[in-house]
Structure formats: structure tokens, C-alpha cells
Amino acid sequence: MMNTLNNGTHEPVAESLYTKCIWFDYCPIPEFVRIGKLSKKWTCFYCDVANPVCKRYQLENFGRNIPDNMLPDGKIQGNLTRFND
């Protein structure tokens, strides 16, 4: 993708640098960050920039079921649950 900068030059810029992940509204990671169960680094590095190395993103694109407690790096965080029991 080519973007025109304010100075009129064209620089190749990955669209994902400016776009939230397409799964942002469905993924539990932003909610875990919002309620303080995870550090904001997760959404900054993965969700807010649609990082294609996110394991959740990759699996979701293949229609796979993803456990809520799987982090974007693919690790399972045992203490994460969406609902307080």
C-alpha cells in the first residue's frame, strides 16, 4: 500500500500499522486489558496495529476455536477467564 505523506512523497507503509485488528471487537484480549487482567502491551503490540504474527488472528482466520485464555503469542494463561465465577 502506498500512502502520500504531507510532504507529497510516497512511502510504502503497511496498512496494518494504522488499522485495528479485524477481530478486535470479538477478541477477549482487549477486554482483559480494559479490566486490568493483562498489560496494555498486548493490545499495543498486537490488537491496535493488526499484527499478523498474532496467533489468535492466524487461527481465527482459519475458523479455528480459540480458548479465551490464549495470548496473542500463543501461550495459554491459565488464570484468564471472561466470566467471574
Protein backbone atom coordinates (compact mmCIF):
# COMPACT_ATOMS: atom_id res chain seq x y z
CA MET A 1 0.00 0.00 0.00
CA MET A 2 1.32 3.45 -0.82
CA ASN A 3 0.41 6.44 1.30
CA THR A 4 1.03 10.08 0.38
CA LEU A 5 2.73 11.91 3.21
CA ASN A 6 2.21 15.60 3.97
CA ASN A 7 5.34 16.48 2.03
CA GLY A 8 3.95 14.82 -1.10
CA THR A 9 6.35 11.88 -1.11
CA HIS A 10 5.19 8.32 -1.38
CA GLU A 11 6.45 5.85 1.17
CA PRO A 12 5.43 2.21 1.36
CA VAL A 13 3.56 1.78 4.61
CA ALA A 14 1.95 -1.41 5.83
CA GLU A 15 -1.77 -0.85 6.21
CA SER A 16 -1.74 -2.86 9.44
CA LEU A 17 0.28 -0.09 11.12
CA TYR A 18 -2.82 2.11 11.05
CA THR A 19 -5.66 -0.37 11.41
CA LYS A 20 -7.01 -2.25 14.41
CA CYS A 21 -7.28 -5.98 14.08
CA ILE A 22 -10.42 -7.10 12.27
CA TRP A 23 -11.16 -9.40 15.23
CA PHE A 24 -10.74 -6.62 17.84
CA ASP A 25 -14.45 -6.43 18.74
CA TYR A 26 -14.70 -10.21 19.19
CA CYS A 27 -11.40 -10.97 20.90
CA PRO A 28 -11.22 -11.22 24.71
CA ILE A 29 -7.71 -9.71 24.90
CA PRO A 30 -8.84 -6.04 24.74
CA GLU A 31 -11.41 -6.77 27.46
CA PHE A 32 -8.78 -8.42 29.68
CA VAL A 33 -6.61 -5.31 29.24
CA ARG A 34 -9.53 -2.98 29.96
CA ILE A 35 -10.36 -4.71 33.26
CA GLY A 36 -6.72 -4.98 34.32
CA LYS A 37 -6.14 -8.71 33.87
CA LEU A 38 -3.48 -8.10 31.21
CA SER A 39 -0.95 -5.38 30.47
CA LYS A 40 -1.74 -2.81 27.77
CA LYS A 41 1.35 -4.04 25.91
CA TRP A 42 -0.77 -6.83 24.45
CA THR A 43 -3.20 -4.53 22.69
CA CYS A 44 -0.47 -2.01 21.75
CA PHE A 45 1.70 -4.61 20.07
CA TYR A 46 -0.97 -6.88 18.60
CA CYS A 47 -4.55 -5.57 18.56
CA ASP A 48 -4.14 -1.86 17.83
CA VAL A 49 -1.89 -2.48 14.83
CA ALA A 50 -3.44 -5.68 13.43
CA ASN A 51 -0.16 -7.55 13.91
CA PRO A 52 -0.26 -10.58 11.57
CA VAL A 53 2.02 -12.61 13.86
CA CYS A 54 -0.77 -12.78 16.45
CA LYS A 55 -1.56 -16.46 16.93
CA ARG A 56 -5.19 -15.64 17.77
CA TYR A 57 -5.52 -13.70 14.50
CA GLN A 58 -3.96 -16.52 12.49
CA LEU A 59 -6.22 -19.19 13.99
CA GLU A 60 -9.36 -17.05 13.73
CA ASN A 61 -8.68 -16.53 10.02
CA PHE A 62 -8.77 -20.32 9.60
CA GLY A 63 -12.03 -20.60 11.55
CA ARG A 64 -10.45 -22.38 14.49
CA ASN A 65 -11.85 -22.28 18.00
CA ILE A 66 -9.54 -20.31 20.27
CA PRO A 67 -9.58 -20.56 24.05
CA ASP A 68 -10.21 -17.21 25.73
CA ASN A 69 -7.05 -17.63 27.77
CA MET A 70 -4.72 -17.93 24.76
CA LEU A 71 -2.47 -14.88 24.48
CA PRO A 72 -1.54 -13.32 21.14
CA ASP A 73 1.86 -15.03 21.33
CA GLY A 74 0.12 -18.42 21.53
CA LYS A 75 0.83 -19.09 25.19
CA ILE A 76 -2.02 -20.20 27.45
CA GLN A 77 -2.55 -18.01 30.52
CA GLY A 78 -4.33 -20.27 32.98
CA ASN A 79 -5.87 -17.56 35.16
CA LEU A 80 -7.75 -15.71 32.40
CA THR A 81 -11.49 -16.18 32.19
CA ARG A 82 -14.12 -13.94 30.65
CA PHE A 83 -16.64 -14.51 33.39
CA ASN A 84 -16.22 -14.24 37.13
CA ASP A 85 -17.45 -17.44 38.71
